[in-house]
């Protein structure tokens, strides 16, 4: 199953709220999800208009779930250490592949 961490739209027209969820990549935007990781209220003017369960986010990323661009932008604010780990893992993977190609 291809997993993705993305936003699921909630709320009324022109006053959307979003849940940050883990779902199958093939589901539609507002379809069924496996787990709710947090929420984001873009119209809330308070300083903290989002939340994210960082440990569960780290768990799902560790299992190989892709992260959508918008969630990645929010995660940079909420959990920069997890995003750093993701980038380090990707760089190590690229370096390993580059070294493998050089040996041929």
N, C-alpha and C. Protein backbone atom coordinates (compact mmCIF):
# COMPACT_ATOMS: atom_id res chain seq x y z
N UNK A 1 0.85 -1.18 0.00
CA UNK A 1 0.00 0.00 0.00
C UNK A 1 0.90 1.24 0.00
N UNK A 2 0.66 2.13 -0.92
CA UNK A 2 1.41 3.39 -1.00
C UNK A 2 0.77 4.39 -0.05
N UNK A 3 1.54 4.85 0.93
CA UNK A 3 1.02 5.77 1.93
C UNK A 3 1.52 7.18 1.68
N UNK A 4 0.70 8.14 2.04
CA UNK A 4 1.08 9.54 1.92
C UNK A 4 0.52 10.29 3.13
N UNK A 5 1.29 11.25 3.61
CA UNK A 5 0.83 12.13 4.68
C UNK A 5 0.42 13.43 4.00
N UNK A 6 -0.86 13.76 4.12
CA UNK A 6 -1.36 14.95 3.44
C UNK A 6 -2.50 15.57 4.23
N UNK A 7 -3.03 16.68 3.71
CA UNK A 7 -4.11 17.38 4.38
C UNK A 7 -5.46 16.92 3.85
N UNK A 8 -6.39 16.81 4.77
CA UNK A 8 -7.77 16.44 4.44
C UNK A 8 -8.64 17.63 4.78
N UNK A 9 -9.39 18.12 3.81
CA UNK A 9 -10.17 19.34 3.99
C UNK A 9 -11.41 19.09 4.86
N UNK A 10 -11.69 20.01 5.77
CA UNK A 10 -12.85 19.98 6.64
C UNK A 10 -13.45 21.38 6.66
N UNK A 11 -14.58 21.56 7.29
CA UNK A 11 -15.13 22.90 7.49
C UNK A 11 -16.02 23.36 6.36
N UNK A 12 -16.47 24.60 6.49
CA UNK A 12 -17.40 25.21 5.54
C UNK A 12 -16.65 25.83 4.37
N UNK A 13 -17.40 26.17 3.35
CA UNK A 13 -16.80 26.84 2.20
C UNK A 13 -16.19 28.17 2.64
N UNK A 14 -15.06 28.48 2.11
CA UNK A 14 -14.32 29.70 2.41
C UNK A 14 -13.87 29.81 3.88
N UNK A 15 -14.00 28.78 4.67
CA UNK A 15 -13.50 28.74 6.05
C UNK A 15 -12.95 27.33 6.33
N UNK A 16 -12.11 26.86 5.43
CA UNK A 16 -11.63 25.49 5.54
C UNK A 16 -10.74 25.31 6.77
N UNK A 17 -10.77 24.11 7.25
CA UNK A 17 -9.84 23.62 8.26
C UNK A 17 -9.28 22.34 7.68
N UNK A 18 -8.11 21.96 8.10
CA UNK A 18 -7.48 20.78 7.53
C UNK A 18 -7.02 19.84 8.62
N UNK A 19 -7.19 18.55 8.38
CA UNK A 19 -6.60 17.53 9.23
C UNK A 19 -5.36 17.02 8.51
N UNK A 20 -4.30 16.81 9.25
CA UNK A 20 -3.10 16.20 8.69
C UNK A 20 -3.23 14.71 8.96
N UNK A 21 -3.32 13.92 7.89
CA UNK A 21 -3.65 12.51 8.02
C UNK A 21 -2.71 11.63 7.20
N UNK A 22 -2.69 10.35 7.56
CA UNK A 22 -1.99 9.33 6.78
C UNK A 22 -3.06 8.57 6.03
N UNK A 23 -2.89 8.46 4.72
CA UNK A 23 -3.89 7.75 3.93
C UNK A 23 -3.25 7.06 2.74
N UNK A 24 -4.00 6.18 2.12
CA UNK A 24 -3.56 5.52 0.91
C UNK A 24 -3.47 6.57 -0.20
N UNK A 25 -2.43 6.49 -0.96
CA UNK A 25 -2.19 7.47 -2.02
C UNK A 25 -3.32 7.51 -3.05
N UNK A 26 -4.00 6.40 -3.23
CA UNK A 26 -5.04 6.31 -4.25
C UNK A 26 -6.39 6.83 -3.79
N UNK A 27 -6.54 7.15 -2.50
CA UNK A 27 -7.79 7.70 -1.99
C UNK A 27 -7.98 9.13 -2.49
N UNK A 28 -9.24 9.55 -2.60
CA UNK A 28 -9.47 10.95 -2.97
C UNK A 28 -9.15 11.85 -1.77
N UNK A 29 -9.12 13.13 -1.98
CA UNK A 29 -8.66 14.09 -0.98
C UNK A 29 -9.39 13.97 0.36
N UNK A 30 -10.68 13.79 0.32
CA UNK A 30 -11.46 13.73 1.55
C UNK A 30 -11.91 12.30 1.87
N UNK A 31 -11.19 11.32 1.36
CA UNK A 31 -11.56 9.92 1.59
C UNK A 31 -11.14 9.42 2.96
N UNK A 32 -11.27 8.13 3.16
CA UNK A 32 -10.95 7.49 4.44
C UNK A 32 -9.44 7.58 4.70
N UNK A 33 -9.08 7.74 5.97
CA UNK A 33 -7.68 7.82 6.32
C UNK A 33 -7.35 6.80 7.41
N UNK A 34 -6.05 6.51 7.55
CA UNK A 34 -5.61 5.52 8.52
C UNK A 34 -5.44 6.12 9.91
N UNK A 35 -4.85 7.31 9.98
CA UNK A 35 -4.60 7.94 11.27
C UNK A 35 -4.54 9.46 11.13
N UNK A 36 -5.09 10.14 12.10
CA UNK A 36 -5.02 11.60 12.15
C UNK A 36 -3.77 11.97 12.95
N UNK A 37 -2.91 12.80 12.34
CA UNK A 37 -1.67 13.21 12.99
C UNK A 37 -1.75 14.61 13.58
N UNK A 38 -2.66 15.42 13.10
CA UNK A 38 -2.76 16.79 13.60
C UNK A 38 -3.80 17.57 12.83
N UNK A 39 -3.77 18.89 12.99
CA UNK A 39 -4.71 19.75 12.30
C UNK A 39 -4.05 21.09 11.99
N UNK A 40 -4.69 21.83 11.07
CA UNK A 40 -4.21 23.14 10.66
C UNK A 40 -5.42 24.00 10.37
N UNK A 41 -5.50 25.18 11.01
CA UNK A 41 -6.59 26.14 10.81
C UNK A 41 -5.99 27.42 10.22
N UNK A 42 -5.99 27.58 8.89
CA UNK A 42 -5.35 28.74 8.29
C UNK A 42 -6.02 30.07 8.62
N UNK A 43 -7.30 30.07 8.97
CA UNK A 43 -8.00 31.32 9.25
C UNK A 43 -7.91 31.73 10.71
N UNK A 44 -7.37 30.89 11.55
CA UNK A 44 -7.21 31.21 12.96
C UNK A 44 -6.02 32.16 13.10
N UNK A 45 -6.24 33.33 13.65
CA UNK A 45 -5.19 34.34 13.72
C UNK A 45 -4.29 34.21 14.95
N UNK A 46 -4.57 33.23 15.80
CA UNK A 46 -3.73 33.02 16.96
C UNK A 46 -2.35 32.55 16.51
N UNK A 47 -1.40 32.64 17.40
CA UNK A 47 -0.04 32.24 17.06
C UNK A 47 0.06 30.75 16.74
N UNK A 48 -0.67 29.93 17.48
CA UNK A 48 -0.59 28.48 17.28
C UNK A 48 -1.88 28.00 16.62
N UNK A 49 -1.87 27.97 15.29
CA UNK A 49 -3.05 27.54 14.56
C UNK A 49 -2.87 26.15 13.95
N UNK A 50 -1.97 25.35 14.50
CA UNK A 50 -1.70 24.01 14.01
C UNK A 50 -1.20 23.14 15.15
N UNK A 51 -1.27 21.85 14.93
CA UNK A 51 -0.67 20.88 15.85
C UNK A 51 -0.27 19.66 15.05
N UNK A 52 0.72 18.93 15.56
CA UNK A 52 1.20 17.73 14.89
C UNK A 52 1.77 16.79 15.93
N UNK A 53 1.38 15.52 15.87
CA UNK A 53 1.95 14.49 16.74
C UNK A 53 3.27 14.07 16.11
N UNK A 54 4.36 14.62 16.63
CA UNK A 54 5.68 14.45 16.02
C UNK A 54 6.14 12.99 16.05
N UNK A 55 5.89 12.29 17.14
CA UNK A 55 6.33 10.89 17.23
C UNK A 55 5.62 10.01 16.20
N UNK A 56 4.33 10.21 16.03
CA UNK A 56 3.60 9.43 15.04
C UNK A 56 4.00 9.85 13.62
N UNK A 57 4.28 11.13 13.41
CA UNK A 57 4.78 11.61 12.12
C UNK A 57 6.10 10.91 11.79
N UNK A 58 7.00 10.87 12.77
CA UNK A 58 8.29 10.20 12.59
C UNK A 58 8.09 8.71 12.29
N UNK A 59 7.15 8.08 13.00
CA UNK A 59 6.87 6.66 12.79
C UNK A 59 6.44 6.39 11.35
N UNK A 60 5.47 7.16 10.85
CA UNK A 60 4.96 6.92 9.50
C UNK A 60 5.99 7.24 8.43
N UNK A 61 6.78 8.27 8.65
CA UNK A 61 7.85 8.58 7.69
C UNK A 61 8.87 7.45 7.68
N UNK A 62 9.15 6.88 8.86
CA UNK A 62 10.06 5.75 8.96
C UNK A 62 9.55 4.51 8.22
N UNK A 63 8.24 4.36 8.15
CA UNK A 63 7.66 3.23 7.40
C UNK A 63 7.66 3.47 5.90
N UNK A 64 8.03 4.68 5.48
CA UNK A 64 8.13 4.95 4.05
C UNK A 64 7.00 5.78 3.49
N UNK A 65 6.19 6.39 4.34
CA UNK A 65 5.11 7.24 3.84
C UNK A 65 5.69 8.50 3.20
N UNK A 66 5.17 8.85 2.05
CA UNK A 66 5.57 10.09 1.39
C UNK A 66 4.89 11.25 2.11
N UNK A 67 5.48 12.43 2.00
CA UNK A 67 4.92 13.63 2.62
C UNK A 67 4.59 14.62 1.52
N UNK A 68 3.36 15.13 1.51
CA UNK A 68 2.97 16.08 0.48
C UNK A 68 3.74 17.40 0.68
N UNK A 69 3.77 18.21 -0.36
CA UNK A 69 4.52 19.46 -0.31
C UNK A 69 3.99 20.40 0.77
N UNK A 70 2.69 20.53 0.88
CA UNK A 70 2.12 21.44 1.88
C UNK A 70 2.37 20.96 3.29
N UNK A 71 2.26 19.67 3.52
CA UNK A 71 2.53 19.14 4.86
C UNK A 71 4.02 19.29 5.17
N UNK A 72 4.88 19.12 4.17
CA UNK A 72 6.31 19.30 4.39
C UNK A 72 6.63 20.73 4.81
N UNK A 73 5.96 21.70 4.19
CA UNK A 73 6.14 23.10 4.56
C UNK A 73 5.74 23.34 6.01
N UNK A 74 4.60 22.78 6.43
CA UNK A 74 4.17 22.91 7.82
C UNK A 74 5.10 22.15 8.76
N UNK A 75 5.56 20.99 8.34
CA UNK A 75 6.43 20.18 9.19
C UNK A 75 7.77 20.88 9.44
N UNK A 76 8.22 21.69 8.50
CA UNK A 76 9.46 22.45 8.73
C UNK A 76 9.31 23.40 9.90
N UNK A 77 8.10 23.92 10.12
CA UNK A 77 7.84 24.80 11.25
C UNK A 77 7.60 24.00 12.52
N UNK A 78 6.86 22.90 12.40
CA UNK A 78 6.43 22.13 13.57
C UNK A 78 7.50 21.16 14.07
N UNK A 79 8.17 20.49 13.16
CA UNK A 79 9.12 19.44 13.53
C UNK A 79 10.36 19.49 12.63
N UNK A 80 11.18 20.53 12.78
CA UNK A 80 12.34 20.65 11.88
C UNK A 80 13.34 19.50 12.03
N UNK A 81 13.41 18.89 13.22
CA UNK A 81 14.35 17.78 13.40
C UNK A 81 13.95 16.56 12.57
N UNK A 82 12.65 16.31 12.44
CA UNK A 82 12.18 15.17 11.64
C UNK A 82 12.45 15.44 10.16
N UNK A 83 12.22 16.66 9.72
CA UNK A 83 12.48 17.01 8.32
C UNK A 83 13.98 16.88 8.03
N UNK A 84 14.82 17.28 8.98
CA UNK A 84 16.26 17.11 8.83
C UNK A 84 16.66 15.65 8.70
N UNK A 85 16.02 14.80 9.51
CA UNK A 85 16.28 13.36 9.42
C UNK A 85 15.87 12.81 8.06
N UNK A 86 14.73 13.29 7.55
CA UNK A 86 14.25 12.84 6.24
C UNK A 86 15.24 13.22 5.15
N UNK A 87 15.73 14.45 5.21
CA UNK A 87 16.67 14.92 4.19
C UNK A 87 18.00 14.17 4.29
N UNK A 88 18.48 13.91 5.52
CA UNK A 88 19.73 13.18 5.70
C UNK A 88 19.60 11.76 5.15
N UNK A 89 18.45 11.13 5.39
CA UNK A 89 18.22 9.78 4.89
C UNK A 89 18.21 9.76 3.37
N UNK A 90 17.57 10.76 2.76
CA UNK A 90 17.52 10.86 1.30
C UNK A 90 18.91 11.10 0.72
N UNK A 91 19.70 11.96 1.36
CA UNK A 91 21.05 12.23 0.87
C UNK A 91 21.92 10.98 0.98
N UNK A 92 21.79 10.22 2.06
CA UNK A 92 22.56 8.99 2.22
C UNK A 92 22.17 7.98 1.13
N UNK A 93 20.89 7.91 0.83
CA UNK A 93 20.42 7.00 -0.21
C UNK A 93 20.99 7.39 -1.57
N UNK A 94 21.00 8.69 -1.86
CA UNK A 94 21.56 9.16 -3.14
C UNK A 94 23.06 8.91 -3.22
N UNK A 95 23.77 9.13 -2.11
CA UNK A 95 25.22 8.89 -2.09
C UNK A 95 25.53 7.41 -2.31
N UNK A 96 24.75 6.55 -1.69
CA UNK A 96 24.94 5.11 -1.85
C UNK A 96 24.71 4.70 -3.30
N UNK A 97 23.67 5.23 -3.91
CA UNK A 97 23.39 4.93 -5.31
C UNK A 97 24.49 5.46 -6.23
N UNK A 98 24.98 6.66 -5.94
CA UNK A 98 26.07 7.24 -6.74
C UNK A 98 27.32 6.39 -6.64
N UNK A 99 27.65 5.93 -5.45
CA UNK A 99 28.83 5.08 -5.26
C UNK A 99 28.67 3.75 -5.97
N UNK A 100 27.46 3.21 -5.95
CA UNK A 100 27.20 1.94 -6.62
C UNK A 100 27.41 2.07 -8.13
N UNK A 101 26.96 3.20 -8.69
CA UNK A 101 27.13 3.42 -10.13
C UNK A 101 28.59 3.62 -10.50
N UNK A 102 29.36 4.27 -9.62
CA UNK A 102 30.79 4.51 -9.91
C UNK A 102 31.58 3.21 -9.94
N UNK A 103 31.19 2.24 -9.14
CA UNK A 103 31.93 0.96 -9.07
C UNK A 103 31.73 0.12 -10.32
N UNK A 104 30.70 0.37 -11.09
CA UNK A 104 30.45 -0.42 -12.30
C UNK A 104 31.40 -0.11 -13.39
